Amino acid sequence: KGGVGKTTTTVNLGAGLARLGVSTLIIDLDAQANATSALGIEKRAGGSLYRVLHGEGSAIDQIVNTTTKHLDIIP
């Protein structure tokens, strides 16, 4: 269901936890990559879960760092 705040909640909760010093990883499964964009990362920058699912690398290799300390994302 779209437009109910799932992405906004995920990004804000992730950022809040990261600011408290909790290492946080967001995995953006949305084809539109809105969480990735919300964190200021280009949709094609770095890795993706698609690559992992197709055997093109490990999940750890797909992690992209954000500008927020302790907050990373797999686009």
C-alpha atoms as a PDB file:
ATOM      1  CA  LYS A   1       0.000   0.000   0.000  1.00  0.00           C
ATOM      2  CA  GLY A   2       1.462   3.339  -1.000  1.00  0.00           C
ATOM      3  CA  GLY A   3       1.381   6.693   0.712  1.00  0.00           C
ATOM      4  CA  VAL A   4       1.057   5.547   4.305  1.00  0.00           C
ATOM      5  CA  GLY A   5       4.528   6.534   5.496  1.00  0.00           C
ATOM      6  CA  LYS A   6       6.472   3.263   5.467  1.00  0.00           C
ATOM      7  CA  THR A   7       9.559   4.741   3.792  1.00  0.00           C
ATOM      8  CA  THR A   8       9.451   7.955   5.820  1.00  0.00           C
ATOM      9  CA  THR A   9       9.141   5.987   9.054  1.00  0.00           C
ATOM     10  CA  THR A  10      11.977   3.642   8.083  1.00  0.00           C
ATOM     11  CA  VAL A  11      14.378   6.443   7.145  1.00  0.00           C
ATOM     12  CA  ASN A  12      13.554   8.564  10.211  1.00  0.00           C
ATOM     13  CA  LEU A  13      13.747   5.627  12.615  1.00  0.00           C
ATOM     14  CA  GLY A  14      17.030   4.486  11.060  1.00  0.00           C
ATOM     15  CA  ALA A  15      18.514   7.972  11.284  1.00  0.00           C
ATOM     16  CA  GLY A  16      17.334   8.369  14.871  1.00  0.00           C
ATOM     17  CA  LEU A  17      18.889   5.081  15.942  1.00  0.00           C
ATOM     18  CA  ALA A  18      22.115   5.932  14.126  1.00  0.00           C
ATOM     19  CA  ARG A  19      22.326   9.276  15.924  1.00  0.00           C
ATOM     20  CA  LEU A  20      22.069   7.365  19.198  1.00  0.00           C
ATOM     21  CA  GLY A  21      25.120   5.373  18.119  1.00  0.00           C
ATOM     22  CA  VAL A  22      23.312   2.223  17.016  1.00  0.00           C
ATOM     23  CA  SER A  23      24.778   0.757  13.824  1.00  0.00           C
ATOM     24  CA  THR A  24      21.805   0.679  11.457  1.00  0.00           C
ATOM     25  CA  LEU A  25      21.371  -0.880   8.021  1.00  0.00           C
ATOM     26  CA  ILE A  26      18.374  -0.029   5.855  1.00  0.00           C
ATOM     27  CA  ILE A  27      17.629  -2.438   3.019  1.00  0.00           C
ATOM     28  CA  ASP A  28      15.636  -0.653   0.306  1.00  0.00           C
ATOM     29  CA  LEU A  29      13.438  -3.261  -1.371  1.00  0.00           C
ATOM     30  CA  ASP A  30      11.237  -0.711  -3.152  1.00  0.00           C
ATOM     31  CA  ALA A  31      11.726  -0.706  -6.929  1.00  0.00           C
ATOM     32  CA  GLN A  32      11.460   3.105  -6.856  1.00  0.00           C
ATOM     33  CA  ALA A  33      14.320   3.243  -4.309  1.00  0.00           C
ATOM     34  CA  ASN A  34      12.709   6.073  -2.342  1.00  0.00           C
ATOM     35  CA  ALA A  35      14.595   5.297   0.889  1.00  0.00           C
ATOM     36  CA  THR A  36      17.853   5.411  -1.065  1.00  0.00           C
ATOM     37  CA  SER A  37      16.910   8.782  -2.561  1.00  0.00           C
ATOM     38  CA  ALA A  38      15.746  10.113   0.811  1.00  0.00           C
ATOM     39  CA  LEU A  39      19.220   9.439   2.193  1.00  0.00           C
ATOM     40  CA  GLY A  40      20.787  11.470  -0.613  1.00  0.00           C
ATOM     41  CA  ILE A  41      22.199   8.528  -2.525  1.00  0.00           C
ATOM     42  CA  GLU A  42      21.828   8.121  -6.266  1.00  0.00           C
ATOM     43  CA  LYS A  43      19.700   5.112  -7.107  1.00  0.00           C
ATOM     44  CA  ARG A  44      22.509   3.588  -9.181  1.00  0.00           C
ATOM     45  CA  ALA A  45      25.337   4.353  -6.734  1.00  0.00           C
ATOM     46  CA  GLY A  46      27.095   1.304  -5.367  1.00  0.00           C
ATOM     47  CA  GLY A  47      25.416  -1.995  -4.796  1.00  0.00           C
ATOM     48  CA  SER A  48      21.960  -3.414  -4.714  1.00  0.00           C
ATOM     49  CA  LEU A  49      20.125  -6.371  -3.257  1.00  0.00           C
ATOM     50  CA  TYR A  50      19.345  -7.410  -6.835  1.00  0.00           C
ATOM     51  CA  ARG A  51      23.024  -8.272  -7.293  1.00  0.00           C
ATOM     52  CA  VAL A  52      23.017 -10.415  -4.166  1.00  0.00           C
ATOM     53  CA  LEU A  53      19.899 -12.320  -5.228  1.00  0.00           C
ATOM     54  CA  HIS A  54      21.463 -13.015  -8.627  1.00  0.00           C
ATOM     55  CA  GLY A  55      24.717 -14.284  -7.140  1.00  0.00           C
ATOM     56  CA  GLU A  56      26.751 -11.261  -8.216  1.00  0.00           C
ATOM     57  CA  GLY A  57      28.232 -10.515  -4.810  1.00  0.00           C
ATOM     58  CA  SER A  58      27.646 -10.734  -1.107  1.00  0.00           C
ATOM     59  CA  ALA A  59      25.296  -8.483   0.827  1.00  0.00           C
ATOM     60  CA  ILE A  60      28.257  -6.922   2.623  1.00  0.00           C
ATOM     61  CA  ASP A  61      29.710  -5.835  -0.722  1.00  0.00           C
ATOM     62  CA  GLN A  62      26.498  -3.950  -1.570  1.00  0.00           C
ATOM     63  CA  ILE A  63      26.412  -1.707   1.512  1.00  0.00           C
ATOM     64  CA  VAL A  64      26.582   2.008   0.747  1.00  0.00           C
ATOM     65  CA  ASN A  65      27.581   4.455   3.482  1.00  0.00           C
ATOM     66  CA  THR A  66      25.368   7.480   4.067  1.00  0.00           C
ATOM     67  CA  THR A  67      26.386  10.895   5.358  1.00  0.00           C
ATOM     68  CA  THR A  68      24.951   9.958   8.763  1.00  0.00           C
ATOM     69  CA  LYS A  69      27.428   8.162  11.011  1.00  0.00           C
ATOM     70  CA  HIS A  70      26.292   4.603  11.867  1.00  0.00           C
ATOM     71  CA  LEU A  71      23.666   4.589   9.082  1.00  0.00           C
ATOM     72  CA  ASP A  72      24.181   2.509   5.941  1.00  0.00           C
ATOM     73  CA  ILE A  73      21.897   1.245   3.191  1.00  0.00           C
ATOM     74  CA  ILE A  74      21.681  -1.498   0.632  1.00  0.00           C
ATOM     75  CA  PRO A  75      19.884   0.183  -2.264  1.00  0.00           C
END
